[in-house]
Amino acid sequence: MTAFDMEQNIVRRGGLIPCKTAFIDAHTPGSDQKENFTIIGGGVSESADQHVHISQKIGFNIGAAGQPPKCHNSLHTHRTAEVFFVQSGRWRFFWGRWGDAGEVILEQGDIFNIPTGMFRGFENIGTDYGMIMAILGGDDAGGGVVWAPQVIENASAHGLVLGDNGQLYDSKKGESLPDGVIPMPVMSEDHLQLMDEPPTAEVVPNYVARYWDLMALADHQPSRVIGPDAILRDQPGFEVDFITRGSIDDGRYSCHQPEVLMPVRGHWKLEWDGGSTILNSGDTCLVPAGLARALSPSMTGEASMYRVRNTDDPAGPTIRLN
């Protein structure tokens, strides 16, 4: 593979193309400044305006959300796994039918494997624009997003309607539902009763890993973060590990499946037959299956990275809170 070919598999932080109308709450005050990024895979955007950087199907999706301070993402759930780690900023994640069942504050590098079966939302509580990176299970990311009923109702009051075809229609632009398409039904009361409302004390120990704990655990060998025998024990259709300057082997290795590299801090040199490049914090790199590669920090100082690979497990957590 040539250096030019590999560059097509890298999405640079500075080259991310945002969509500000990706979801139904795009006009709702408090959520109307958020930016959505689909980096690898089709993502879950409800808007035809969403740019897809790398459309290749690899068994999971990589995306991101960027938000200014005090901007929040509305309560929703997915049919498959949703994992976030903080790329920059300070974030509050909250969950439950009304978002008041529990919450956790995450800083740069912290990772949250959000359980299925519960509504969740998040907001930037820092002082600057922040970004969180997302891993979604499955090639189709579970068929989209399921919104809490009040989110759909609030959006309608601001001119946005979600059709049962999964597409958004903006009355402010003169759009209306096509023939044969009806508004997306809200979740029934019977289904709402089945949604989980776990307290913070149940969620944080089992689904959150802190960056500085991972840095300590990965001082001599990679730390397994998500997997059947990892810190966060789960089988969501992908596995995640964490590497640092002290834990990366400077030899070459290859994988039988694609591998996604997502630096958190520092600068990393990626080498392969035919070329090399530098990966920086916020970049996302898709390394093809079978390609021998080597990783090493390219400069002094702190260096950390998440690596993601798909597995043969179903694209959804097998561990449930209830």
C-alpha atoms as a PDB file:
ATOM      1  CA  MET A   1       0.000   0.000   0.000  1.00  0.00           C
ATOM      2  CA  THR A   2       1.396   3.374  -0.947  1.00  0.00           C
ATOM      3  CA  ALA A   3       1.541   6.396   1.304  1.00  0.00           C
ATOM      4  CA  PHE A   4      -1.142   8.036  -0.821  1.00  0.00           C
ATOM      5  CA  ASP A   5      -3.472   5.069  -0.389  1.00  0.00           C
ATOM      6  CA  MET A   6      -3.074   5.087   3.401  1.00  0.00           C
ATOM      7  CA  GLU A   7      -3.871   8.791   3.543  1.00  0.00           C
ATOM      8  CA  GLN A   8      -7.283   7.959   2.077  1.00  0.00           C
ATOM      9  CA  ASN A   9      -7.875   5.886   5.213  1.00  0.00           C
ATOM     10  CA  ILE A  10      -7.053   8.749   7.579  1.00  0.00           C
ATOM     11  CA  VAL A  11      -9.523  11.414   8.658  1.00  0.00           C
ATOM     12  CA  ARG A  12      -7.601  14.320  10.125  1.00  0.00           C
ATOM     13  CA  ARG A  13      -9.073  16.326  12.978  1.00  0.00           C
ATOM     14  CA  GLY A  14      -8.700  19.501  10.951  1.00  0.00           C
ATOM     15  CA  GLY A  15     -10.412  17.939   7.936  1.00  0.00           C
ATOM     16  CA  LEU A  16     -13.618  16.829   9.636  1.00  0.00           C
ATOM     17  CA  ILE A  17     -16.745  18.035   7.837  1.00  0.00           C
ATOM     18  CA  PRO A  18     -19.616  18.732  10.258  1.00  0.00           C
ATOM     19  CA  CYS A  19     -23.353  18.497   9.814  1.00  0.00           C
ATOM     20  CA  LYS A  20     -25.474  20.868  11.920  1.00  0.00           C
ATOM     21  CA  THR A  21     -28.801  19.342  10.864  1.00  0.00           C
ATOM     22  CA  ALA A  22     -28.022  15.694  11.521  1.00  0.00           C
ATOM     23  CA  PHE A  23     -30.783  14.982  14.044  1.00  0.00           C
ATOM     24  CA  ILE A  24     -34.302  15.912  15.012  1.00  0.00           C
ATOM     25  CA  ASP A  25     -33.243  18.355  17.746  1.00  0.00           C
ATOM     26  CA  ALA A  26     -31.213  20.507  15.310  1.00  0.00           C
ATOM     27  CA  HIS A  27     -33.591  23.478  15.783  1.00  0.00           C
ATOM     28  CA  THR A  28     -34.359  22.948  19.475  1.00  0.00           C
ATOM     29  CA  PRO A  29     -32.854  25.688  21.690  1.00  0.00           C
ATOM     30  CA  GLY A  30     -29.922  24.288  23.659  1.00  0.00           C
ATOM     31  CA  SER A  31     -29.155  21.692  20.980  1.00  0.00           C
ATOM     32  CA  ASP A  32     -29.110  23.850  17.869  1.00  0.00           C
ATOM     33  CA  GLN A  33     -25.349  24.515  17.870  1.00  0.00           C
ATOM     34  CA  LYS A  34     -24.089  20.949  17.931  1.00  0.00           C
ATOM     35  CA  GLU A  35     -22.092  19.442  15.082  1.00  0.00           C
ATOM     36  CA  ASN A  36     -22.196  15.796  14.060  1.00  0.00           C
ATOM     37  CA  PHE A  37     -19.440  13.927  12.227  1.00  0.00           C
ATOM     38  CA  THR A  38     -19.675  10.565  10.463  1.00  0.00           C
ATOM     39  CA  ILE A  39     -16.100   9.335  10.173  1.00  0.00           C
ATOM     40  CA  ILE A  40     -16.252   5.620   9.285  1.00  0.00           C
ATOM     41  CA  GLY A  41     -19.403   3.772   8.179  1.00  0.00           C
ATOM     42  CA  GLY A  42     -22.851   5.099   7.399  1.00  0.00           C
ATOM     43  CA  GLY A  43     -23.543   6.471  10.876  1.00  0.00           C
ATOM     44  CA  VAL A  44     -26.994   7.232  12.236  1.00  0.00           C
ATOM     45  CA  SER A  45     -27.647  10.707  10.867  1.00  0.00           C
ATOM     46  CA  GLU A  46     -31.232  11.520   9.889  1.00  0.00           C
ATOM     47  CA  SER A  47     -30.134  14.168   7.386  1.00  0.00           C
ATOM     48  CA  ALA A  48     -29.116  13.828   3.748  1.00  0.00           C
ATOM     49  CA  ASP A  49     -26.655  16.685   4.435  1.00  0.00           C
ATOM     50  CA  GLN A  50     -24.402  14.443   6.550  1.00  0.00           C
ATOM     51  CA  HIS A  51     -20.965  13.949   5.009  1.00  0.00           C
ATOM     52  CA  VAL A  52     -19.497  10.429   5.316  1.00  0.00           C
ATOM     53  CA  HIS A  53     -15.697  10.498   5.319  1.00  0.00           C
ATOM     54  CA  ILE A  54     -15.021   6.766   4.911  1.00  0.00           C
ATOM     55  CA  SER A  55     -18.022   4.670   3.860  1.00  0.00           C
ATOM     56  CA  GLN A  56     -16.341   1.283   4.198  1.00  0.00           C
ATOM     57  CA  LYS A  57     -18.241  -1.245   6.327  1.00  0.00           C
ATOM     58  CA  ILE A  58     -16.027  -2.756   9.013  1.00  0.00           C
ATOM     59  CA  GLY A  59     -18.542  -4.121  11.528  1.00  0.00           C
ATOM     60  CA  PHE A  60     -18.875  -0.914  13.563  1.00  0.00           C
ATOM     61  CA  ASN A  61     -19.176   2.848  12.998  1.00  0.00           C
ATOM     62  CA  ILE A  62     -16.954   5.703  14.127  1.00  0.00           C
ATOM     63  CA  GLY A  63     -18.445   9.148  14.596  1.00  0.00           C
ATOM     64  CA  ALA A  64     -18.027  12.266  16.698  1.00  0.00           C
ATOM     65  CA  ALA A  65     -19.984  15.128  18.207  1.00  0.00           C
ATOM     66  CA  GLY A  66     -18.639  18.643  18.620  1.00  0.00           C
ATOM     67  CA  GLN A  67     -20.405  21.177  20.806  1.00  0.00           C
ATOM     68  CA  PRO A  68     -19.783  24.624  22.274  1.00  0.00           C
ATOM     69  CA  PRO A  69     -20.239  25.162  26.012  1.00  0.00           C
ATOM     70  CA  LYS A  70     -23.778  24.634  27.401  1.00  0.00           C
ATOM     71  CA  CYS A  71     -24.901  22.810  24.246  1.00  0.00           C
ATOM     72  CA  HIS A  72     -26.513  19.421  24.833  1.00  0.00           C
ATOM     73  CA  ASN A  73     -27.550  16.347  22.878  1.00  0.00           C
ATOM     74  CA  SER A  74     -31.113  15.227  23.536  1.00  0.00           C
ATOM     75  CA  LEU A  75     -32.248  11.990  25.166  1.00  0.00           C
ATOM     76  CA  HIS A  76     -32.132   9.006  22.830  1.00  0.00           C
ATOM     77  CA  THR A  77     -31.219   5.343  22.680  1.00  0.00           C
ATOM     78  CA  HIS A  78     -29.751   2.929  20.155  1.00  0.00           C
ATOM     79  CA  ARG A  79     -30.470  -0.705  19.369  1.00  0.00           C
ATOM     80  CA  THR A  80     -26.758  -1.537  19.512  1.00  0.00           C
ATOM     81  CA  ALA A  81     -23.737  -0.499  21.512  1.00  0.00           C
ATOM     82  CA  GLU A  82     -22.736   3.143  21.887  1.00  0.00           C
ATOM     83  CA  VAL A  83     -19.324   3.947  23.333  1.00  0.00           C
ATOM     84  CA  PHE A  84     -17.949   7.456  23.818  1.00  0.00           C
ATOM     85  CA  PHE A  85     -14.552   8.759  24.796  1.00  0.00           C
ATOM     86  CA  VAL A  86     -13.784  12.415  25.396  1.00  0.00           C
ATOM     87  CA  GLN A  87     -11.387  13.853  22.852  1.00  0.00           C
ATOM     88  CA  SER A  88     -11.463  17.336  24.332  1.00  0.00           C
ATOM     89  CA  GLY A  89     -13.417  19.286  26.899  1.00  0.00           C
ATOM     90  CA  ARG A  90     -15.473  18.369  29.928  1.00  0.00           C
ATOM     91  CA  TRP A  91     -18.793  16.565  29.503  1.00  0.00           C
ATOM     92  CA  ARG A  92     -21.794  15.549  31.563  1.00  0.00           C
ATOM     93  CA  PHE A  93     -23.592  12.359  30.506  1.00  0.00           C
ATOM     94  CA  PHE A  94     -27.074  11.784  31.899  1.00  0.00           C
ATOM     95  CA  TRP A  95     -29.714   9.116  31.443  1.00  0.00           C
ATOM     96  CA  GLY A  96     -33.247   7.949  32.201  1.00  0.00           C
ATOM     97  CA  ARG A  97     -36.715   8.707  30.839  1.00  0.00           C
ATOM     98  CA  TRP A  98     -36.351  12.386  31.767  1.00  0.00           C
ATOM     99  CA  GLY A  99     -32.562  12.451  32.069  1.00  0.00           C
ATOM    100  CA  ASP A 100     -32.573  12.499  35.858  1.00  0.00           C
ATOM    101  CA  ALA A 101     -31.913   8.836  36.763  1.00  0.00           C
ATOM    102  CA  GLY A 102     -28.144   9.297  36.943  1.00  0.00           C
ATOM    103  CA  GLU A 103     -25.165  11.201  35.588  1.00  0.00           C
ATOM    104  CA  VAL A 104     -21.389  11.114  35.283  1.00  0.00           C
ATOM    105  CA  ILE A 105     -18.789  13.784  34.452  1.00  0.00           C
ATOM    106  CA  LEU A 106     -16.094  12.769  31.976  1.00  0.00           C
ATOM    107  CA  GLU A 107     -12.773  14.457  31.184  1.00  0.00           C
ATOM    108  CA  GLN A 108     -10.371  14.063  28.258  1.00  0.00           C
ATOM    109  CA  GLY A 109      -9.618  10.405  27.547  1.00  0.00           C
ATOM    110  CA  ASP A 110     -12.341   8.951  29.789  1.00  0.00           C
ATOM    111  CA  ILE A 111     -14.471   6.287  28.087  1.00  0.00           C
ATOM    112  CA  PHE A 112     -18.131   5.313  28.634  1.00  0.00           C
ATOM    113  CA  ASN A 113     -19.654   2.075  27.338  1.00  0.00           C
ATOM    114  CA  ILE A 114     -23.292   3.137  27.568  1.00  0.00           C
ATOM    115  CA  PRO A 115     -25.703   0.271  28.327  1.00  0.00           C
ATOM    116  CA  THR A 116     -28.466  -0.429  25.851  1.00  0.00           C
ATOM    117  CA  GLY A 117     -32.061  -0.135  26.942  1.00  0.00           C
ATOM    118  CA  MET A 118     -31.883   3.346  28.456  1.00  0.00           C
ATOM    119  CA  PHE A 119     -32.254   6.888  27.204  1.00  0.00           C
ATOM    120  CA  ARG A 120     -29.054   8.922  27.328  1.00  0.00           C
ATOM    121  CA  GLY A 121     -27.910  12.448  26.550  1.00  0.00           C
ATOM    122  CA  PHE A 122     -24.825  14.573  27.045  1.00  0.00           C
ATOM    123  CA  GLU A 123     -23.744  18.203  27.287  1.00  0.00           C
ATOM    124  CA  ASN A 124     -20.537  20.174  27.120  1.00  0.00           C
ATOM    125  CA  ILE A 125     -19.998  21.669  30.571  1.00  0.00           C
ATOM    126  CA  GLY A 126     -16.518  22.984  29.812  1.00  0.00           C
ATOM    127  CA  THR A 127     -15.474  26.503  28.898  1.00  0.00           C
ATOM    128  CA  ASP A 128     -14.435  25.786  25.282  1.00  0.00           C
ATOM    129  CA  TYR A 129     -15.674  23.907  22.241  1.00  0.00           C
ATOM    130  CA  GLY A 130     -15.357  20.191  22.987  1.00  0.00           C
ATOM    131  CA  MET A 131     -15.484  16.934  21.080  1.00  0.00           C
ATOM    132  CA  ILE A 132     -16.399  13.365  21.928  1.00  0.00           C
ATOM    133  CA  MET A 133     -15.655  10.361  19.730  1.00  0.00           C
ATOM    134  CA  ALA A 134     -18.244   7.614  19.302  1.00  0.00           C
ATOM    135  CA  ILE A 135     -18.119   3.905  18.458  1.00  0.00           C
ATOM    136  CA  LEU A 136     -21.453   2.413  17.379  1.00  0.00           C
ATOM    137  CA  GLY A 137     -22.042  -1.314  17.004  1.00  0.00           C
ATOM    138  CA  GLY A 138     -22.955  -2.872  13.650  1.00  0.00           C
ATOM    139  CA  ASP A 139     -22.543  -1.759  10.062  1.00  0.00           C
ATOM    140  CA  ASP A 140     -25.937  -0.032  10.073  1.00  0.00           C
ATOM    141  CA  ALA A 141     -25.530   1.194  13.675  1.00  0.00           C
ATOM    142  CA  GLY A 142     -28.705  -0.600  14.666  1.00  0.00           C
ATOM    143  CA  GLY A 143     -31.009   1.127  12.215  1.00  0.00           C
ATOM    144  CA  GLY A 144     -30.851   4.616  13.654  1.00  0.00           C
ATOM    145  CA  VAL A 145     -31.817   6.512  16.773  1.00  0.00           C
ATOM    146  CA  VAL A 146     -34.860   6.120  19.018  1.00  0.00           C
ATOM    147  CA  TRP A 147     -35.762   9.424  20.654  1.00  0.00           C
ATOM    148  CA  ALA A 148     -37.502  10.064  23.951  1.00  0.00           C
ATOM    149  CA  PRO A 149     -41.084  11.196  23.164  1.00  0.00           C
ATOM    150  CA  GLN A 150     -40.562  14.732  24.458  1.00  0.00           C
ATOM    151  CA  VAL A 151     -37.646  15.231  22.035  1.00  0.00           C
ATOM    152  CA  ILE A 152     -39.883  14.495  19.032  1.00  0.00           C
ATOM    153  CA  GLU A 153     -42.619  16.755  20.392  1.00  0.00           C
ATOM    154  CA  ASN A 154     -40.188  19.638  21.044  1.00  0.00           C
ATOM    155  CA  ALA A 155     -38.689  19.308  17.569  1.00  0.00           C
ATOM    156  CA  SER A 156     -42.100  19.492  15.921  1.00  0.00           C
ATOM    157  CA  ALA A 157     -42.721  22.801  17.670  1.00  0.00           C
ATOM    158  CA  HIS A 158     -39.532  24.105  15.998  1.00  0.00           C
ATOM    159  CA  GLY A 159     -40.364  22.940  12.498  1.00  0.00           C
ATOM    160  CA  LEU A 160     -38.670  19.534  12.260  1.00  0.00           C
ATOM    161  CA  VAL A 161     -40.534  16.288  11.660  1.00  0.00           C
ATOM    162  CA  LEU A 162     -38.941  12.831  11.539  1.00  0.00           C
ATOM    163  CA  GLY A 163     -40.610  10.502   9.048  1.00  0.00           C
ATOM    164  CA  ASP A 164     -41.071   6.789   9.640  1.00  0.00           C
ATOM    165  CA  ASN A 165     -38.494   6.337   6.866  1.00  0.00           C
ATOM    166  CA  GLY A 166     -35.857   7.734   9.234  1.00  0.00           C
ATOM    167  CA  GLN A 167     -35.460  11.027   7.339  1.00  0.00           C
ATOM    168  CA  LEU A 168     -35.892  14.576   8.636  1.00  0.00           C
ATOM    169  CA  TYR A 169     -38.205  17.142   7.021  1.00  0.00           C
ATOM    170  CA  ASP A 170     -37.851  20.854   7.775  1.00  0.00           C
ATOM    171  CA  SER A 171     -40.997  22.945   7.428  1.00  0.00           C
ATOM    172  CA  LYS A 172     -38.834  26.071   7.661  1.00  0.00           C
ATOM    173  CA  LYS A 173     -37.422  25.060   4.273  1.00  0.00           C
ATOM    174  CA  GLY A 174     -40.862  24.301   2.873  1.00  0.00           C
ATOM    175  CA  GLU A 175     -40.380  20.544   3.197  1.00  0.00           C
ATOM    176  CA  SER A 176     -43.245  18.206   4.025  1.00  0.00           C
ATOM    177  CA  LEU A 177     -43.658  14.467   4.447  1.00  0.00           C
ATOM    178  CA  PRO A 178     -43.765  12.632   1.095  1.00  0.00           C
ATOM    179  CA  ASP A 179     -46.780  10.548   0.130  1.00  0.00           C
ATOM    180  CA  GLY A 180     -46.770   7.288   2.016  1.00  0.00           C
ATOM    181  CA  VAL A 181     -44.525   8.604   4.808  1.00  0.00           C
ATOM    182  CA  ILE A 182     -45.999   9.305   8.235  1.00  0.00           C
ATOM    183  CA  PRO A 183     -44.395  10.924  11.286  1.00  0.00           C
ATOM    184  CA  MET A 184     -42.194   8.579  13.269  1.00  0.00           C
ATOM    185  CA  PRO A 185     -44.367   7.119  16.050  1.00  0.00           C
ATOM    186  CA  VAL A 186     -43.234   7.924  19.571  1.00  0.00           C
ATOM    187  CA  MET A 187     -42.383   5.068  21.880  1.00  0.00           C
ATOM    188  CA  SER A 188     -45.490   3.599  23.504  1.00  0.00           C
ATOM    189  CA  GLU A 189     -46.060   3.720  27.248  1.00  0.00           C
ATOM    190  CA  ASP A 190     -45.623  -0.059  27.423  1.00  0.00           C
ATOM    191  CA  HIS A 191     -42.190   0.219  25.822  1.00  0.00           C
ATOM    192  CA  LEU A 192     -41.275   3.201  27.967  1.00  0.00           C
ATOM    193  CA  GLN A 193     -41.925   1.099  31.045  1.00  0.00           C
ATOM    194  CA  LEU A 194     -39.260  -1.353  29.852  1.00  0.00           C
ATOM    195  CA  MET A 195     -36.525   1.298  29.598  1.00  0.00           C
ATOM    196  CA  ASP A 196     -33.842   1.099  32.282  1.00  0.00           C
ATOM    197  CA  GLU A 197     -33.421   3.773  34.975  1.00  0.00           C
ATOM    198  CA  PRO A 198     -30.184   2.674  36.692  1.00  0.00           C
ATOM    199  CA  PRO A 199     -28.615   4.883  39.362  1.00  0.00           C
ATOM    200  CA  THR A 200     -25.143   6.338  38.974  1.00  0.00           C
ATOM    201  CA  ALA A 201     -23.743   3.872  41.536  1.00  0.00           C
ATOM    202  CA  GLU A 202     -24.631   0.970  39.219  1.00  0.00           C
ATOM    203  CA  VAL A 203     -23.451   2.515  35.976  1.00  0.00           C
ATOM    204  CA  VAL A 204     -20.108   4.147  36.755  1.00  0.00           C
ATOM    205  CA  PRO A 205     -18.234   1.123  38.219  1.00  0.00           C
ATOM    206  CA  ASN A 206     -19.276  -1.179  35.373  1.00  0.00           C
ATOM    207  CA  TYR A 207     -19.361   1.059  32.316  1.00  0.00           C
ATOM    208  CA  VAL A 208     -16.879   3.924  32.827  1.00  0.00           C
ATOM    209  CA  ALA A 209     -13.065   3.762  32.640  1.00  0.00           C
ATOM    210  CA  ARG A 210     -11.004   6.802  33.613  1.00  0.00           C
ATOM    211  CA  TYR A 211      -8.111   7.999  31.478  1.00  0.00           C
ATOM    212  CA  TRP A 212      -5.541   8.232  34.252  1.00  0.00           C
ATOM    213  CA  ASP A 213      -6.404   4.754  35.499  1.00  0.00           C
ATOM    214  CA  LEU A 214      -5.862   3.438  31.964  1.00  0.00           C
ATOM    215  CA  MET A 215      -2.541   5.292  31.734  1.00  0.00           C
ATOM    216  CA  ALA A 216      -1.383   3.501  34.884  1.00  0.00           C
ATOM    217  CA  LEU A 217      -2.661   0.095  33.761  1.00  0.00           C
ATOM    218  CA  ALA A 218      -1.042   0.457  30.332  1.00  0.00           C
ATOM    219  CA  ASP A 219       2.402   1.399  31.620  1.00  0.00           C
ATOM    220  CA  HIS A 220       4.017  -1.854  30.396  1.00  0.00           C
ATOM    221  CA  GLN A 221       1.424  -3.578  28.214  1.00  0.00           C
ATOM    222  CA  PRO A 222      -1.747  -2.565  26.346  1.00  0.00           C
ATOM    223  CA  SER A 223      -4.793  -2.314  28.585  1.00  0.00           C
ATOM    224  CA  ARG A 224      -7.905  -4.162  27.405  1.00  0.00           C
ATOM    225  CA  VAL A 225     -10.753  -1.690  27.867  1.00  0.00           C
ATOM    226  CA  ILE A 226     -13.838  -3.351  26.320  1.00  0.00           C
ATOM    227  CA  GLY A 227     -14.126  -7.096  25.728  1.00  0.00           C
ATOM    228  CA  PRO A 228     -15.157 -10.307  27.485  1.00  0.00           C
ATOM    229  CA  ASP A 229     -12.067 -10.217  29.751  1.00  0.00           C
ATOM    230  CA  ALA A 230     -11.503  -6.442  29.762  1.00  0.00           C
ATOM    231  CA  ILE A 231     -11.930  -3.693  32.345  1.00  0.00           C
ATOM    232  CA  LEU A 232     -15.424  -3.033  30.985  1.00  0.00           C
ATOM    233  CA  ARG A 233     -16.653  -6.577  30.388  1.00  0.00           C
ATOM    234  CA  ASP A 234     -18.867  -6.635  27.359  1.00  0.00           C
ATOM    235  CA  GLN A 235     -19.162  -8.138  23.874  1.00  0.00           C
ATOM    236  CA  PRO A 236     -20.691  -5.353  21.749  1.00  0.00           C
ATOM    237  CA  GLY A 237     -19.395  -6.530  18.370  1.00  0.00           C
ATOM    238  CA  PHE A 238     -16.028  -4.814  18.764  1.00  0.00           C
ATOM    239  CA  GLU A 239     -13.163  -4.704  21.244  1.00  0.00           C
ATOM    240  CA  VAL A 240     -11.188  -1.718  22.482  1.00  0.00           C
ATOM    241  CA  ASP A 241      -7.715  -1.502  23.936  1.00  0.00           C
ATOM    242  CA  PHE A 242      -5.546   1.381  25.139  1.00  0.00           C
ATOM    243  CA  ILE A 243      -1.851   1.904  24.492  1.00  0.00           C
ATOM    244  CA  THR A 244       0.749   4.335  25.781  1.00  0.00           C
ATOM    245  CA  ARG A 245       4.403   5.091  25.190  1.00  0.00           C
ATOM    246  CA  GLY A 246       5.386   2.421  27.687  1.00  0.00           C
ATOM    247  CA  SER A 247       3.095  -0.335  26.441  1.00  0.00           C
ATOM    248  CA  ILE A 248       3.492  -0.296  22.666  1.00  0.00           C
ATOM    249  CA  ASP A 249       5.735  -2.938  21.128  1.00  0.00           C
ATOM    250  CA  ASP A 250       8.009  -1.292  18.568  1.00  0.00           C
ATOM    251  CA  GLY A 251       7.815  -4.355  16.312  1.00  0.00           C
ATOM    252  CA  ARG A 252       5.401  -4.825  13.423  1.00  0.00           C
ATOM    253  CA  TYR A 253       2.095  -6.595  13.834  1.00  0.00           C
ATOM    254  CA  SER A 254      -0.975  -7.313  11.716  1.00  0.00           C
ATOM    255  CA  CYS A 255      -4.625  -8.153  12.365  1.00  0.00           C
ATOM    256  CA  HIS A 256      -7.021 -10.437  10.504  1.00  0.00           C
ATOM    257  CA  GLN A 257      -9.648  -7.679  10.739  1.00  0.00           C
ATOM    258  CA  PRO A 258      -9.552  -3.900  10.143  1.00  0.00           C
ATOM    259  CA  GLU A 259      -8.181  -1.840  13.019  1.00  0.00           C
ATOM    260  CA  VAL A 260      -9.093   1.760  13.844  1.00  0.00           C
ATOM    261  CA  LEU A 261      -6.458   3.926  15.540  1.00  0.00           C
ATOM    262  CA  MET A 262      -7.673   6.937  17.543  1.00  0.00           C
ATOM    263  CA  PRO A 263      -4.945   8.951  19.301  1.00  0.00           C
ATOM    264  CA  VAL A 264      -6.042  10.722  22.485  1.00  0.00           C
ATOM    265  CA  ARG A 265      -2.850  12.617  23.291  1.00  0.00           C
ATOM    266  CA  GLY A 266       0.525  13.058  21.691  1.00  0.00           C
ATOM    267  CA  HIS A 267       1.858  12.248  18.229  1.00  0.00           C
ATOM    268  CA  TRP A 268       2.197   8.711  16.856  1.00  0.00           C
ATOM    269  CA  LYS A 269       4.292   7.455  13.956  1.00  0.00           C
ATOM    270  CA  LEU A 270       2.532   4.801  11.873  1.00  0.00           C
ATOM    271  CA  GLU A 271       4.761   2.774   9.536  1.00  0.00           C
ATOM    272  CA  TRP A 272       3.896   0.134   6.937  1.00  0.00           C
ATOM    273  CA  ASP A 273       5.512  -1.323   3.855  1.00  0.00           C
ATOM    274  CA  GLY A 274       5.683   1.567   1.432  1.00  0.00           C
ATOM    275  CA  GLY A 275       5.285   4.528   3.730  1.00  0.00           C
ATOM    276  CA  SER A 276       4.797   6.211   7.077  1.00  0.00           C
ATOM    277  CA  THR A 277       2.757   9.033   8.529  1.00  0.00           C
ATOM    278  CA  ILE A 278       2.133  10.887  11.783  1.00  0.00           C
ATOM    279  CA  LEU A 279      -1.185  10.533  13.605  1.00  0.00           C
ATOM    280  CA  ASN A 280      -2.166  13.328  15.962  1.00  0.00           C
ATOM    281  CA  SER A 281      -4.745  13.729  18.694  1.00  0.00           C
ATOM    282  CA  GLY A 282      -8.206  13.770  17.116  1.00  0.00           C
ATOM    283  CA  ASP A 283      -7.183  11.923  13.936  1.00  0.00           C
ATOM    284  CA  THR A 284      -8.853   8.629  12.998  1.00  0.00           C
ATOM    285  CA  CYS A 285      -7.035   5.994  10.943  1.00  0.00           C
ATOM    286  CA  LEU A 286      -8.481   2.819   9.415  1.00  0.00           C
ATOM    287  CA  VAL A 287      -5.738   0.212   8.913  1.00  0.00           C
ATOM    288  CA  PRO A 288      -6.764  -2.559   6.499  1.00  0.00           C
ATOM    289  CA  ALA A 289      -6.837  -6.186   7.583  1.00  0.00           C
ATOM    290  CA  GLY A 290      -3.603  -8.074   7.020  1.00  0.00           C
ATOM    291  CA  LEU A 291      -1.391  -5.018   6.613  1.00  0.00           C
ATOM    292  CA  ALA A 292       1.734  -5.188   8.781  1.00  0.00           C
ATOM    293  CA  ARG A 293       2.171  -1.962  10.705  1.00  0.00           C
ATOM    294  CA  ALA A 294       4.277  -0.489  13.492  1.00  0.00           C
ATOM    295  CA  LEU A 295       3.346   2.244  15.965  1.00  0.00           C
ATOM    296  CA  SER A 296       5.603   4.436  18.051  1.00  0.00           C
ATOM    297  CA  PRO A 297       5.350   7.876  19.693  1.00  0.00           C
ATOM    298  CA  SER A 298       7.055  10.365  17.386  1.00  0.00           C
ATOM    299  CA  MET A 299       7.922  12.958  20.018  1.00  0.00           C
ATOM    300  CA  THR A 300       8.712  13.099  23.713  1.00  0.00           C
ATOM    301  CA  GLY A 301       5.936  13.599  26.212  1.00  0.00           C
ATOM    302  CA  GLU A 302       2.620  11.958  26.908  1.00  0.00           C
ATOM    303  CA  ALA A 303       1.215   9.669  24.215  1.00  0.00           C
ATOM    304  CA  SER A 304      -1.957   7.577  24.349  1.00  0.00           C
ATOM    305  CA  MET A 305      -4.279   5.910  21.871  1.00  0.00           C
ATOM    306  CA  TYR A 306      -7.440   3.817  21.655  1.00  0.00           C
ATOM    307  CA  ARG A 307      -7.469   0.911  19.174  1.00  0.00           C
ATOM    308  CA  VAL A 308     -10.742  -0.670  17.986  1.00  0.00           C
ATOM    309  CA  ARG A 309     -11.290  -3.989  16.167  1.00  0.00           C
ATOM    310  CA  ASN A 310     -14.473  -5.801  15.247  1.00  0.00           C
ATOM    311  CA  THR A 311     -15.308  -9.237  16.672  1.00  0.00           C
ATOM    312  CA  ASP A 312     -17.676 -12.053  15.812  1.00  0.00           C
ATOM    313  CA  ASP A 313     -20.002 -11.103  18.671  1.00  0.00           C
ATOM    314  CA  PRO A 314     -23.459  -9.715  17.853  1.00  0.00           C
ATOM    315  CA  ALA A 315     -23.476  -5.935  17.420  1.00  0.00           C
ATOM    316  CA  GLY A 316     -25.002  -5.191  20.780  1.00  0.00           C
ATOM    317  CA  PRO A 317     -24.026  -5.591  24.442  1.00  0.00           C
ATOM    318  CA  THR A 318     -24.854  -8.917  26.051  1.00  0.00           C
ATOM    319  CA  ILE A 319     -24.641  -7.390  29.520  1.00  0.00           C
ATOM    320  CA  ARG A 320     -27.743  -5.605  30.684  1.00  0.00           C
ATOM    321  CA  LEU A 321     -28.345  -3.798  33.938  1.00  0.00           C
ATOM    322  CA  ASN A 322     -31.621  -5.618  34.512  1.00  0.00           C
END
